[in-house]
N, C-alpha and C. Protein backbone atom coordinates (compact mmCIF):
# COMPACT_ATOMS: atom_id res chain seq x y z
N MET A 1 -30.65 30.60 -10.88
CA MET A 1 -29.75 30.85 -9.75
C MET A 1 -29.78 29.68 -8.77
N ASN A 2 -31.00 29.19 -8.49
CA ASN A 2 -31.13 28.07 -7.55
C ASN A 2 -30.44 26.82 -8.08
N LYS A 3 -30.53 26.62 -9.40
CA LYS A 3 -29.88 25.46 -10.01
C LYS A 3 -28.36 25.58 -9.90
N LYS A 4 -27.85 26.80 -10.09
CA LYS A 4 -26.41 27.01 -9.99
C LYS A 4 -25.93 26.77 -8.56
N LEU A 5 -26.70 27.27 -7.58
CA LEU A 5 -26.33 27.06 -6.18
C LEU A 5 -26.37 25.58 -5.82
N ALA A 6 -27.36 24.87 -6.37
CA ALA A 6 -27.46 23.43 -6.12
C ALA A 6 -26.25 22.69 -6.68
N CYS A 7 -25.81 23.11 -7.87
CA CYS A 7 -24.63 22.48 -8.49
C CYS A 7 -23.38 22.76 -7.66
N LEU A 8 -23.25 23.99 -7.17
CA LEU A 8 -22.11 24.34 -6.32
C LEU A 8 -22.12 23.54 -5.02
N LYS A 9 -23.32 23.38 -4.44
CA LYS A 9 -23.44 22.61 -3.21
C LYS A 9 -23.07 21.15 -3.42
N ASP A 10 -23.57 20.55 -4.51
CA ASP A 10 -23.25 19.16 -4.81
C ASP A 10 -21.76 18.98 -5.05
N CYS A 11 -21.18 19.95 -5.76
CA CYS A 11 -19.75 19.89 -6.06
C CYS A 11 -18.93 20.00 -4.78
N LEU A 12 -19.37 20.86 -3.88
CA LEU A 12 -18.65 21.07 -2.62
C LEU A 12 -18.74 19.84 -1.72
N LEU A 13 -19.94 19.23 -1.65
CA LEU A 13 -20.16 18.11 -0.73
C LEU A 13 -19.66 16.78 -1.26
N SER A 14 -19.53 16.66 -2.58
CA SER A 14 -19.13 15.36 -3.15
C SER A 14 -17.75 14.92 -2.68
N GLY A 15 -16.86 15.89 -2.44
CA GLY A 15 -15.52 15.54 -2.00
C GLY A 15 -15.48 14.94 -0.61
N PHE A 16 -16.51 15.19 0.19
CA PHE A 16 -16.55 14.65 1.55
C PHE A 16 -16.93 13.17 1.57
N CYS A 17 -17.82 12.76 0.68
CA CYS A 17 -18.33 11.39 0.77
C CYS A 17 -18.26 10.65 -0.56
N PHE A 18 -19.13 11.01 -1.52
CA PHE A 18 -19.27 10.22 -2.74
C PHE A 18 -17.98 10.17 -3.56
N LYS A 19 -17.20 11.25 -3.54
CA LYS A 19 -15.94 11.29 -4.29
C LYS A 19 -14.77 11.63 -3.37
N ASN A 20 -14.84 11.15 -2.14
CA ASN A 20 -13.72 11.41 -1.24
C ASN A 20 -12.43 10.93 -1.88
N PRO A 21 -11.42 11.81 -2.00
CA PRO A 21 -10.21 11.43 -2.75
C PRO A 21 -9.46 10.24 -2.18
N VAL A 22 -9.53 10.01 -0.88
CA VAL A 22 -8.80 8.91 -0.26
C VAL A 22 -9.63 7.63 -0.24
N PHE A 23 -10.85 7.72 0.31
CA PHE A 23 -11.65 6.52 0.54
C PHE A 23 -12.47 6.08 -0.67
N ARG A 24 -12.67 6.97 -1.64
CA ARG A 24 -13.47 6.60 -2.80
C ARG A 24 -12.64 6.58 -4.09
N LEU A 25 -11.84 7.62 -4.33
CA LEU A 25 -11.06 7.70 -5.56
C LEU A 25 -9.67 7.08 -5.42
N MET A 26 -9.27 6.80 -4.18
CA MET A 26 -7.96 6.19 -3.91
C MET A 26 -6.82 7.05 -4.46
N LEU A 27 -6.92 8.35 -4.23
CA LEU A 27 -5.89 9.28 -4.67
C LEU A 27 -5.17 9.87 -3.46
N GLY A 28 -3.94 10.32 -3.68
CA GLY A 28 -3.18 10.95 -2.60
C GLY A 28 -2.81 10.00 -1.48
N LEU A 29 -2.68 8.72 -1.80
CA LEU A 29 -2.39 7.74 -0.74
C LEU A 29 -0.96 7.84 -0.22
N CYS A 30 -0.04 8.30 -1.04
CA CYS A 30 1.36 8.39 -0.60
C CYS A 30 1.51 9.30 0.62
N PRO A 31 1.09 10.59 0.56
CA PRO A 31 1.19 11.42 1.77
C PRO A 31 0.25 10.96 2.88
N THR A 32 -0.91 10.41 2.49
CA THR A 32 -1.86 9.96 3.51
C THR A 32 -1.26 8.85 4.37
N LEU A 33 -0.61 7.91 3.74
CA LEU A 33 -0.02 6.79 4.47
C LEU A 33 1.28 7.18 5.18
N ALA A 34 2.00 8.14 4.61
CA ALA A 34 3.34 8.44 5.11
C ALA A 34 3.36 9.37 6.31
N VAL A 35 2.50 10.38 6.33
CA VAL A 35 2.65 11.42 7.36
C VAL A 35 1.58 11.37 8.45
N THR A 36 0.62 10.47 8.33
CA THR A 36 -0.50 10.48 9.29
C THR A 36 -0.19 9.70 10.56
N VAL A 37 0.97 9.93 11.12
CA VAL A 37 1.31 9.30 12.40
C VAL A 37 0.53 9.96 13.53
N THR A 38 0.19 11.24 13.36
CA THR A 38 -0.60 11.98 14.34
C THR A 38 -1.71 12.73 13.63
N ALA A 39 -2.72 13.13 14.40
CA ALA A 39 -3.81 13.92 13.84
C ALA A 39 -3.32 15.27 13.34
N GLU A 40 -2.35 15.85 14.06
CA GLU A 40 -1.80 17.15 13.65
C GLU A 40 -1.16 17.07 12.27
N ASN A 41 -0.40 16.02 12.04
CA ASN A 41 0.24 15.84 10.73
C ASN A 41 -0.80 15.68 9.63
N GLY A 42 -1.83 14.87 9.90
CA GLY A 42 -2.86 14.64 8.90
C GLY A 42 -3.60 15.90 8.54
N ILE A 43 -4.01 16.65 9.54
CA ILE A 43 -4.72 17.91 9.28
C ILE A 43 -3.80 18.91 8.60
N GLY A 44 -2.52 18.93 9.00
CA GLY A 44 -1.56 19.85 8.41
C GLY A 44 -1.38 19.62 6.92
N ILE A 45 -1.15 18.37 6.53
CA ILE A 45 -0.96 18.08 5.11
C ILE A 45 -2.26 18.29 4.34
N GLY A 46 -3.40 18.04 5.00
CA GLY A 46 -4.69 18.25 4.35
C GLY A 46 -4.96 19.71 4.07
N LEU A 47 -4.69 20.58 5.04
CA LEU A 47 -4.92 22.00 4.85
C LEU A 47 -3.96 22.59 3.83
N ALA A 48 -2.72 22.11 3.83
CA ALA A 48 -1.76 22.58 2.83
C ALA A 48 -2.22 22.18 1.43
N ALA A 49 -2.71 20.96 1.29
CA ALA A 49 -3.21 20.50 -0.01
C ALA A 49 -4.45 21.27 -0.42
N THR A 50 -5.31 21.61 0.54
CA THR A 50 -6.52 22.39 0.24
C THR A 50 -6.14 23.77 -0.28
N PHE A 51 -5.16 24.41 0.35
CA PHE A 51 -4.69 25.72 -0.11
C PHE A 51 -4.17 25.64 -1.55
N VAL A 52 -3.35 24.63 -1.83
CA VAL A 52 -2.80 24.48 -3.18
C VAL A 52 -3.91 24.15 -4.18
N LEU A 53 -4.82 23.28 -3.79
CA LEU A 53 -5.96 22.93 -4.66
C LEU A 53 -6.79 24.16 -5.01
N PHE A 54 -7.13 24.94 -3.99
CA PHE A 54 -7.99 26.09 -4.21
C PHE A 54 -7.31 27.11 -5.14
N GLY A 55 -6.05 27.39 -4.86
CA GLY A 55 -5.33 28.36 -5.68
C GLY A 55 -5.13 27.89 -7.11
N SER A 56 -4.68 26.65 -7.27
CA SER A 56 -4.41 26.14 -8.62
C SER A 56 -5.68 25.94 -9.42
N ASN A 57 -6.74 25.42 -8.80
CA ASN A 57 -8.01 25.26 -9.52
C ASN A 57 -8.54 26.60 -10.01
N THR A 58 -8.44 27.62 -9.16
CA THR A 58 -8.93 28.94 -9.54
C THR A 58 -8.16 29.49 -10.74
N ILE A 59 -6.84 29.44 -10.68
CA ILE A 59 -6.02 29.98 -11.77
C ILE A 59 -6.20 29.16 -13.05
N VAL A 60 -6.22 27.84 -12.93
CA VAL A 60 -6.39 26.99 -14.12
C VAL A 60 -7.72 27.29 -14.80
N SER A 61 -8.78 27.46 -14.01
CA SER A 61 -10.08 27.77 -14.59
C SER A 61 -10.08 29.13 -15.29
N LEU A 62 -9.33 30.08 -14.74
CA LEU A 62 -9.25 31.42 -15.34
C LEU A 62 -8.47 31.42 -16.65
N ILE A 63 -7.43 30.59 -16.75
CA ILE A 63 -6.56 30.64 -17.93
C ILE A 63 -6.86 29.53 -18.94
N LYS A 64 -7.86 28.71 -18.69
CA LYS A 64 -8.08 27.53 -19.52
C LYS A 64 -8.29 27.86 -21.00
N ASN A 65 -8.88 29.00 -21.29
CA ASN A 65 -9.15 29.36 -22.68
C ASN A 65 -7.95 30.00 -23.37
N PHE A 66 -6.89 30.27 -22.63
CA PHE A 66 -5.71 30.93 -23.20
C PHE A 66 -4.51 30.00 -23.33
N VAL A 67 -4.62 28.81 -22.77
CA VAL A 67 -3.49 27.86 -22.78
C VAL A 67 -3.67 26.88 -23.93
N PRO A 68 -2.69 26.79 -24.84
CA PRO A 68 -2.77 25.79 -25.92
C PRO A 68 -2.83 24.37 -25.37
N GLN A 69 -3.59 23.52 -26.04
CA GLN A 69 -3.75 22.14 -25.59
C GLN A 69 -2.42 21.40 -25.47
N GLN A 70 -1.48 21.73 -26.36
CA GLN A 70 -0.22 21.00 -26.39
C GLN A 70 0.64 21.23 -25.14
N VAL A 71 0.43 22.35 -24.46
CA VAL A 71 1.29 22.68 -23.31
C VAL A 71 0.48 22.85 -22.03
N ARG A 72 -0.75 22.34 -22.02
CA ARG A 72 -1.61 22.59 -20.87
C ARG A 72 -1.05 21.95 -19.59
N ILE A 73 -0.55 20.70 -19.67
CA ILE A 73 -0.05 20.02 -18.48
C ILE A 73 1.16 20.74 -17.89
N PRO A 74 2.18 21.11 -18.69
CA PRO A 74 3.30 21.88 -18.12
C PRO A 74 2.84 23.20 -17.49
N CYS A 75 1.87 23.85 -18.10
CA CYS A 75 1.35 25.11 -17.53
C CYS A 75 0.66 24.86 -16.20
N TYR A 76 -0.14 23.80 -16.13
CA TYR A 76 -0.84 23.49 -14.88
C TYR A 76 0.17 23.14 -13.78
N ILE A 77 1.21 22.39 -14.13
CA ILE A 77 2.23 22.04 -13.14
C ILE A 77 2.94 23.29 -12.64
N LEU A 78 3.19 24.24 -13.54
CA LEU A 78 3.82 25.50 -13.14
C LEU A 78 2.94 26.27 -12.16
N VAL A 79 1.65 26.29 -12.42
CA VAL A 79 0.71 26.96 -11.51
C VAL A 79 0.71 26.27 -10.15
N ILE A 80 0.61 24.94 -10.18
CA ILE A 80 0.60 24.18 -8.92
C ILE A 80 1.90 24.39 -8.15
N ALA A 81 3.03 24.36 -8.85
CA ALA A 81 4.33 24.55 -8.20
C ALA A 81 4.41 25.91 -7.51
N THR A 82 3.80 26.92 -8.12
CA THR A 82 3.80 28.25 -7.51
C THR A 82 3.08 28.23 -6.17
N PHE A 83 1.92 27.60 -6.12
CA PHE A 83 1.15 27.56 -4.87
C PHE A 83 1.79 26.62 -3.85
N VAL A 84 2.45 25.56 -4.31
CA VAL A 84 3.18 24.69 -3.38
C VAL A 84 4.32 25.47 -2.73
N THR A 85 5.00 26.29 -3.50
CA THR A 85 6.09 27.10 -2.95
C THR A 85 5.56 28.09 -1.92
N ILE A 86 4.41 28.71 -2.21
CA ILE A 86 3.80 29.63 -1.25
C ILE A 86 3.43 28.89 0.03
N ALA A 87 2.81 27.71 -0.11
CA ALA A 87 2.43 26.92 1.07
C ALA A 87 3.66 26.53 1.87
N LYS A 88 4.72 26.15 1.19
CA LYS A 88 5.96 25.76 1.86
C LYS A 88 6.54 26.92 2.66
N LEU A 89 6.59 28.09 2.05
CA LEU A 89 7.14 29.27 2.74
C LEU A 89 6.29 29.67 3.94
N LEU A 90 4.96 29.57 3.80
CA LEU A 90 4.07 29.90 4.92
C LEU A 90 4.26 28.91 6.08
N LEU A 91 4.39 27.64 5.76
CA LEU A 91 4.61 26.63 6.80
C LEU A 91 5.95 26.86 7.50
N GLN A 92 6.98 27.15 6.72
CA GLN A 92 8.29 27.40 7.30
C GLN A 92 8.30 28.62 8.21
N ALA A 93 7.52 29.64 7.81
CA ALA A 93 7.52 30.89 8.57
C ALA A 93 6.68 30.82 9.83
N TYR A 94 5.52 30.16 9.76
CA TYR A 94 4.56 30.24 10.87
C TYR A 94 4.43 28.95 11.68
N VAL A 95 4.66 27.80 11.07
CA VAL A 95 4.59 26.52 11.81
C VAL A 95 5.80 25.66 11.43
N PRO A 96 7.00 26.10 11.79
CA PRO A 96 8.21 25.37 11.38
C PRO A 96 8.27 23.94 11.91
N LEU A 97 7.72 23.70 13.10
CA LEU A 97 7.74 22.34 13.65
C LEU A 97 6.89 21.40 12.80
N LEU A 98 5.72 21.88 12.37
CA LEU A 98 4.87 21.07 11.50
C LEU A 98 5.54 20.84 10.15
N TYR A 99 6.17 21.88 9.63
CA TYR A 99 6.86 21.73 8.34
C TYR A 99 7.97 20.70 8.44
N ALA A 100 8.68 20.70 9.57
CA ALA A 100 9.76 19.72 9.76
C ALA A 100 9.20 18.29 9.77
N LYS A 101 8.00 18.11 10.30
CA LYS A 101 7.38 16.78 10.34
C LYS A 101 6.90 16.35 8.95
N LEU A 102 6.35 17.30 8.20
CA LEU A 102 5.81 16.97 6.87
C LEU A 102 6.93 16.80 5.85
N GLY A 103 7.96 17.63 5.98
CA GLY A 103 9.16 17.50 5.17
C GLY A 103 8.91 17.46 3.68
N LEU A 104 9.44 16.41 3.05
CA LEU A 104 9.42 16.28 1.60
C LEU A 104 8.02 16.23 1.01
N PHE A 105 7.04 15.80 1.81
CA PHE A 105 5.70 15.61 1.28
C PHE A 105 4.99 16.93 0.97
N VAL A 106 5.51 18.04 1.46
CA VAL A 106 5.01 19.34 1.03
C VAL A 106 5.49 19.63 -0.39
N ASP A 107 6.76 19.36 -0.66
CA ASP A 107 7.33 19.64 -1.98
C ASP A 107 6.69 18.77 -3.07
N ILE A 108 6.46 17.51 -2.79
CA ILE A 108 5.95 16.63 -3.84
C ILE A 108 4.45 16.80 -4.09
N MET A 109 3.82 17.77 -3.42
CA MET A 109 2.44 18.07 -3.77
C MET A 109 2.33 18.60 -5.19
N VAL A 110 3.47 19.02 -5.77
CA VAL A 110 3.48 19.48 -7.16
C VAL A 110 2.94 18.41 -8.09
N VAL A 111 3.25 17.16 -7.78
CA VAL A 111 2.79 16.06 -8.64
C VAL A 111 1.75 15.19 -7.93
N ASN A 112 1.13 15.74 -6.89
CA ASN A 112 0.07 15.00 -6.20
C ASN A 112 -1.07 14.75 -7.16
N CYS A 113 -1.51 13.50 -7.25
CA CYS A 113 -2.53 13.14 -8.24
C CYS A 113 -3.87 13.80 -7.97
N ILE A 114 -4.15 14.14 -6.72
CA ILE A 114 -5.41 14.84 -6.43
C ILE A 114 -5.38 16.23 -7.06
N ILE A 115 -4.30 16.97 -6.82
CA ILE A 115 -4.21 18.35 -7.26
C ILE A 115 -4.11 18.44 -8.78
N LEU A 116 -3.19 17.69 -9.36
CA LEU A 116 -3.05 17.73 -10.82
C LEU A 116 -4.26 17.14 -11.51
N GLY A 117 -4.82 16.09 -10.92
CA GLY A 117 -6.01 15.46 -11.52
C GLY A 117 -7.21 16.37 -11.55
N ARG A 118 -7.44 17.12 -10.46
CA ARG A 118 -8.59 18.03 -10.43
C ARG A 118 -8.38 19.22 -11.36
N ALA A 119 -7.13 19.65 -11.50
CA ALA A 119 -6.83 20.75 -12.43
C ALA A 119 -7.14 20.33 -13.86
N GLU A 120 -6.71 19.12 -14.23
CA GLU A 120 -6.89 18.65 -15.60
C GLU A 120 -8.32 18.18 -15.86
N ALA A 121 -8.89 17.42 -14.94
CA ALA A 121 -10.20 16.80 -15.18
C ALA A 121 -11.37 17.71 -14.89
N PHE A 122 -11.20 18.68 -14.00
CA PHE A 122 -12.36 19.48 -13.59
C PHE A 122 -12.16 20.98 -13.83
N ALA A 123 -11.12 21.57 -13.23
CA ALA A 123 -10.95 23.03 -13.30
C ALA A 123 -10.81 23.53 -14.73
N SER A 124 -10.15 22.73 -15.58
CA SER A 124 -9.92 23.16 -16.96
C SER A 124 -11.17 23.05 -17.82
N LYS A 125 -12.25 22.51 -17.26
CA LYS A 125 -13.47 22.30 -18.04
C LYS A 125 -14.70 22.98 -17.44
N ASN A 126 -14.51 23.71 -16.33
CA ASN A 126 -15.64 24.31 -15.64
C ASN A 126 -15.39 25.77 -15.29
N THR A 127 -16.43 26.42 -14.79
CA THR A 127 -16.33 27.83 -14.42
C THR A 127 -15.47 27.99 -13.17
N VAL A 128 -15.09 29.24 -12.90
CA VAL A 128 -14.25 29.52 -11.75
C VAL A 128 -14.96 29.13 -10.45
N SER A 129 -16.24 29.47 -10.33
CA SER A 129 -16.97 29.15 -9.09
C SER A 129 -17.07 27.65 -8.87
N MET A 130 -17.30 26.89 -9.94
CA MET A 130 -17.36 25.43 -9.81
C MET A 130 -16.00 24.86 -9.46
N ALA A 131 -14.95 25.42 -10.06
CA ALA A 131 -13.59 24.95 -9.77
C ALA A 131 -13.22 25.22 -8.31
N MET A 132 -13.62 26.37 -7.80
CA MET A 132 -13.33 26.71 -6.41
C MET A 132 -14.10 25.79 -5.46
N ALA A 133 -15.37 25.52 -5.78
CA ALA A 133 -16.17 24.63 -4.94
C ALA A 133 -15.60 23.22 -4.95
N ASP A 134 -15.17 22.77 -6.12
CA ASP A 134 -14.57 21.43 -6.23
C ASP A 134 -13.28 21.35 -5.41
N ALA A 135 -12.47 22.41 -5.46
CA ALA A 135 -11.22 22.43 -4.71
C ALA A 135 -11.48 22.37 -3.21
N LEU A 136 -12.44 23.15 -2.74
CA LEU A 136 -12.76 23.14 -1.31
C LEU A 136 -13.30 21.78 -0.87
N GLY A 137 -14.19 21.21 -1.70
CA GLY A 137 -14.77 19.90 -1.36
C GLY A 137 -13.72 18.81 -1.32
N MET A 138 -12.90 18.73 -2.37
CA MET A 138 -11.86 17.71 -2.42
C MET A 138 -10.81 17.94 -1.34
N GLY A 139 -10.44 19.20 -1.15
CA GLY A 139 -9.42 19.51 -0.15
C GLY A 139 -9.86 19.18 1.26
N MET A 140 -11.08 19.56 1.61
CA MET A 140 -11.57 19.28 2.95
C MET A 140 -11.87 17.79 3.13
N GLY A 141 -12.28 17.12 2.04
CA GLY A 141 -12.45 15.67 2.12
C GLY A 141 -11.12 14.97 2.38
N PHE A 142 -10.08 15.45 1.73
CA PHE A 142 -8.74 14.90 1.96
C PHE A 142 -8.27 15.20 3.38
N THR A 143 -8.54 16.42 3.86
CA THR A 143 -8.16 16.80 5.22
C THR A 143 -8.89 15.94 6.25
N LEU A 144 -10.18 15.71 6.03
CA LEU A 144 -10.97 14.88 6.93
C LEU A 144 -10.42 13.45 6.97
N ALA A 145 -10.09 12.91 5.79
CA ALA A 145 -9.57 11.55 5.73
C ALA A 145 -8.20 11.44 6.40
N ALA A 146 -7.29 12.35 6.05
CA ALA A 146 -5.94 12.29 6.62
C ALA A 146 -5.96 12.57 8.12
N GLY A 147 -6.77 13.54 8.54
CA GLY A 147 -6.87 13.84 9.97
C GLY A 147 -7.49 12.70 10.75
N GLY A 148 -8.50 12.05 10.18
CA GLY A 148 -9.14 10.91 10.85
C GLY A 148 -8.20 9.73 11.00
N ILE A 149 -7.47 9.44 9.93
CA ILE A 149 -6.50 8.34 9.99
C ILE A 149 -5.41 8.66 11.01
N GLY A 150 -4.93 9.90 10.99
CA GLY A 150 -3.90 10.31 11.95
C GLY A 150 -4.39 10.22 13.38
N ALA A 151 -5.65 10.62 13.62
CA ALA A 151 -6.20 10.57 14.98
C ALA A 151 -6.29 9.13 15.49
N ILE A 152 -6.77 8.23 14.64
CA ILE A 152 -6.89 6.82 15.04
C ILE A 152 -5.52 6.23 15.35
N ARG A 153 -4.55 6.51 14.49
CA ARG A 153 -3.20 5.97 14.71
C ARG A 153 -2.56 6.54 15.96
N GLU A 154 -2.77 7.85 16.19
CA GLU A 154 -2.17 8.48 17.37
C GLU A 154 -2.81 7.96 18.66
N ILE A 155 -4.13 7.82 18.67
CA ILE A 155 -4.82 7.34 19.87
C ILE A 155 -4.40 5.92 20.22
N LEU A 156 -4.43 5.04 19.21
CA LEU A 156 -4.09 3.64 19.47
C LEU A 156 -2.59 3.41 19.63
N GLY A 157 -1.79 4.18 18.91
CA GLY A 157 -0.35 3.95 18.91
C GLY A 157 0.42 4.69 19.98
N ALA A 158 -0.18 5.78 20.52
CA ALA A 158 0.53 6.55 21.53
C ALA A 158 -0.34 6.91 22.73
N GLY A 159 -1.64 6.70 22.61
CA GLY A 159 -2.54 7.05 23.72
C GLY A 159 -2.74 8.54 23.88
N THR A 160 -2.47 9.30 22.81
CA THR A 160 -2.61 10.75 22.87
C THR A 160 -3.45 11.23 21.69
N LEU A 161 -3.88 12.49 21.76
CA LEU A 161 -4.55 13.16 20.67
C LEU A 161 -4.11 14.61 20.68
N PHE A 162 -3.49 15.04 19.59
CA PHE A 162 -2.87 16.37 19.50
C PHE A 162 -1.85 16.57 20.63
N GLY A 163 -1.19 15.48 21.01
CA GLY A 163 -0.15 15.56 22.02
C GLY A 163 -0.62 15.46 23.45
N PHE A 164 -1.93 15.44 23.68
CA PHE A 164 -2.47 15.35 25.04
C PHE A 164 -2.79 13.90 25.39
N SER A 165 -2.33 13.46 26.56
CA SER A 165 -2.57 12.09 26.99
C SER A 165 -4.05 11.86 27.26
N LEU A 166 -4.56 10.73 26.78
CA LEU A 166 -5.98 10.40 26.95
C LEU A 166 -6.23 9.35 28.02
N PHE A 167 -5.30 8.45 28.23
CA PHE A 167 -5.55 7.30 29.09
C PHE A 167 -4.62 7.20 30.29
N GLY A 168 -3.65 8.07 30.38
CA GLY A 168 -2.73 8.02 31.52
C GLY A 168 -1.65 6.96 31.36
N PRO A 169 -0.85 6.77 32.39
CA PRO A 169 0.30 5.85 32.31
C PRO A 169 -0.07 4.37 32.23
N VAL A 170 -1.32 4.03 32.54
CA VAL A 170 -1.70 2.61 32.51
C VAL A 170 -1.92 2.10 31.09
N PHE A 171 -2.04 3.01 30.14
CA PHE A 171 -2.33 2.61 28.75
C PHE A 171 -1.11 1.96 28.11
N LYS A 172 -1.34 0.85 27.44
CA LYS A 172 -0.28 0.17 26.70
C LYS A 172 -0.52 0.39 25.19
N PRO A 173 0.29 1.24 24.59
CA PRO A 173 0.06 1.58 23.18
C PRO A 173 0.30 0.40 22.24
N VAL A 174 -0.43 0.42 21.14
CA VAL A 174 -0.24 -0.58 20.08
C VAL A 174 0.78 0.02 19.11
N LEU A 175 2.02 -0.29 19.32
CA LEU A 175 3.11 0.40 18.62
C LEU A 175 3.03 0.25 17.10
N VAL A 176 2.44 -0.84 16.63
CA VAL A 176 2.37 -1.05 15.18
C VAL A 176 1.58 0.07 14.50
N MET A 177 0.69 0.73 15.25
CA MET A 177 -0.15 1.76 14.66
C MET A 177 0.64 3.01 14.27
N ILE A 178 1.78 3.26 14.91
CA ILE A 178 2.58 4.42 14.52
C ILE A 178 3.72 4.04 13.59
N LEU A 179 3.73 2.78 13.17
CA LEU A 179 4.69 2.30 12.19
C LEU A 179 4.00 2.21 10.82
N PRO A 180 4.75 2.10 9.72
CA PRO A 180 4.14 2.04 8.39
C PRO A 180 3.00 1.04 8.23
N PRO A 181 3.11 -0.20 8.79
CA PRO A 181 1.98 -1.13 8.64
C PRO A 181 0.69 -0.60 9.26
N GLY A 182 0.80 0.23 10.30
CA GLY A 182 -0.38 0.78 10.94
C GLY A 182 -1.20 1.65 10.01
N ALA A 183 -0.52 2.34 9.11
CA ALA A 183 -1.24 3.18 8.15
C ALA A 183 -2.09 2.33 7.22
N PHE A 184 -1.50 1.24 6.72
CA PHE A 184 -2.24 0.35 5.82
C PHE A 184 -3.41 -0.32 6.55
N LEU A 185 -3.18 -0.75 7.79
CA LEU A 185 -4.25 -1.37 8.55
C LEU A 185 -5.40 -0.41 8.79
N THR A 186 -5.07 0.83 9.16
CA THR A 186 -6.11 1.82 9.47
C THR A 186 -6.96 2.14 8.25
N ILE A 187 -6.30 2.46 7.15
CA ILE A 187 -7.06 2.83 5.96
C ILE A 187 -7.84 1.64 5.41
N GLY A 188 -7.28 0.42 5.55
CA GLY A 188 -7.98 -0.77 5.10
C GLY A 188 -9.25 -1.02 5.89
N VAL A 189 -9.17 -0.88 7.21
CA VAL A 189 -10.34 -1.10 8.07
C VAL A 189 -11.41 -0.05 7.80
N ILE A 190 -11.00 1.22 7.67
CA ILE A 190 -11.97 2.29 7.41
C ILE A 190 -12.69 2.05 6.09
N MET A 191 -11.94 1.68 5.05
CA MET A 191 -12.56 1.44 3.75
C MET A 191 -13.47 0.23 3.79
N ALA A 192 -13.10 -0.79 4.55
CA ALA A 192 -13.95 -1.97 4.68
C ALA A 192 -15.27 -1.61 5.34
N VAL A 193 -15.20 -0.79 6.39
CA VAL A 193 -16.43 -0.36 7.09
C VAL A 193 -17.31 0.46 6.16
N LEU A 194 -16.72 1.39 5.42
CA LEU A 194 -17.49 2.23 4.50
C LEU A 194 -18.13 1.39 3.40
N ASN A 195 -17.39 0.44 2.87
CA ASN A 195 -17.95 -0.44 1.84
C ASN A 195 -19.09 -1.30 2.38
N HIS A 196 -18.93 -1.75 3.63
CA HIS A 196 -20.01 -2.54 4.25
C HIS A 196 -21.27 -1.69 4.42
N ILE A 197 -21.10 -0.45 4.86
CA ILE A 197 -22.25 0.44 5.03
C ILE A 197 -22.95 0.67 3.70
N ASN A 198 -22.15 0.90 2.65
CA ASN A 198 -22.73 1.13 1.32
C ASN A 198 -23.47 -0.10 0.82
N SER A 199 -22.89 -1.28 1.03
CA SER A 199 -23.55 -2.50 0.57
C SER A 199 -24.86 -2.74 1.30
N GLU A 200 -24.89 -2.40 2.60
CA GLU A 200 -26.12 -2.54 3.37
C GLU A 200 -27.20 -1.59 2.86
N LYS A 201 -26.79 -0.37 2.50
CA LYS A 201 -27.73 0.60 1.96
C LYS A 201 -28.30 0.12 0.62
N ILE A 202 -27.41 -0.48 -0.20
CA ILE A 202 -27.86 -0.99 -1.49
C ILE A 202 -28.85 -2.14 -1.30
N LYS A 203 -28.55 -3.03 -0.37
CA LYS A 203 -29.46 -4.14 -0.08
C LYS A 203 -30.80 -3.62 0.42
N ALA A 204 -30.77 -2.63 1.31
CA ALA A 204 -32.01 -2.06 1.83
C ALA A 204 -32.82 -1.44 0.72
N GLY A 205 -32.15 -0.76 -0.20
CA GLY A 205 -32.84 -0.16 -1.34
C GLY A 205 -33.46 -1.21 -2.23
N ALA A 206 -32.74 -2.31 -2.45
CA ALA A 206 -33.27 -3.40 -3.27
C ALA A 206 -34.48 -4.03 -2.61
N ASP A 207 -34.45 -4.18 -1.27
CA ASP A 207 -35.59 -4.75 -0.56
C ASP A 207 -36.82 -3.88 -0.72
N VAL A 208 -36.60 -2.55 -0.66
CA VAL A 208 -37.74 -1.64 -0.81
C VAL A 208 -38.36 -1.77 -2.17
N VAL A 209 -37.49 -1.89 -3.19
CA VAL A 209 -37.99 -2.03 -4.57
C VAL A 209 -38.81 -3.31 -4.70
N ILE A 210 -38.31 -4.41 -4.13
CA ILE A 210 -39.01 -5.69 -4.22
C ILE A 210 -40.37 -5.61 -3.54
N GLU A 211 -40.43 -4.95 -2.39
CA GLU A 211 -41.69 -4.83 -1.66
C GLU A 211 -42.71 -4.03 -2.45
N LYS A 212 -42.24 -2.99 -3.14
CA LYS A 212 -43.18 -2.17 -3.93
C LYS A 212 -43.69 -2.95 -5.12
N GLU A 213 -42.83 -3.81 -5.69
CA GLU A 213 -43.29 -4.59 -6.83
C GLU A 213 -44.30 -5.65 -6.39
């Protein structure tokens, strides 16, 4: 039981750091770059993707033994499309302003490489509990990445966070941050910092090994 819980924990946490879909696997960059003008947009698309991931991973894991190999991808896309439609209707009903901002990027989650990739590479090969943990980990990792990028762009590009002014009228926004190039700059800087941190950790580990020898 402890081993199973440890596996579930590792699966859940891997999406946040070691296998973060945006900063490590470089997946889902299209919606990440396109809609993260604000923190609200980033968190919104992240939570919608998490809902679709969780639902589709669960169903794919349940039906994996009943779906012929020849038609598995069309079946998985059908499952994903069902949950995307549910997410779309929920957004339209309860947060129409957010849905209007996200627009087309809600619909194209049907072919989002994170969602389809996890269904094919993980959910179809693991138990339901592992598939659910993987969906939550990847989904929340994507939400964290998209929300963080959106927050940085909104703060620097508009001087606000979730629509609230942070610096008052004296602040001069960096307008490029709310334009398409700002998305590339933000994600590039974040990835550079993360890679630098990892390289420093590797060097520190190598130094420790040398000292022990």
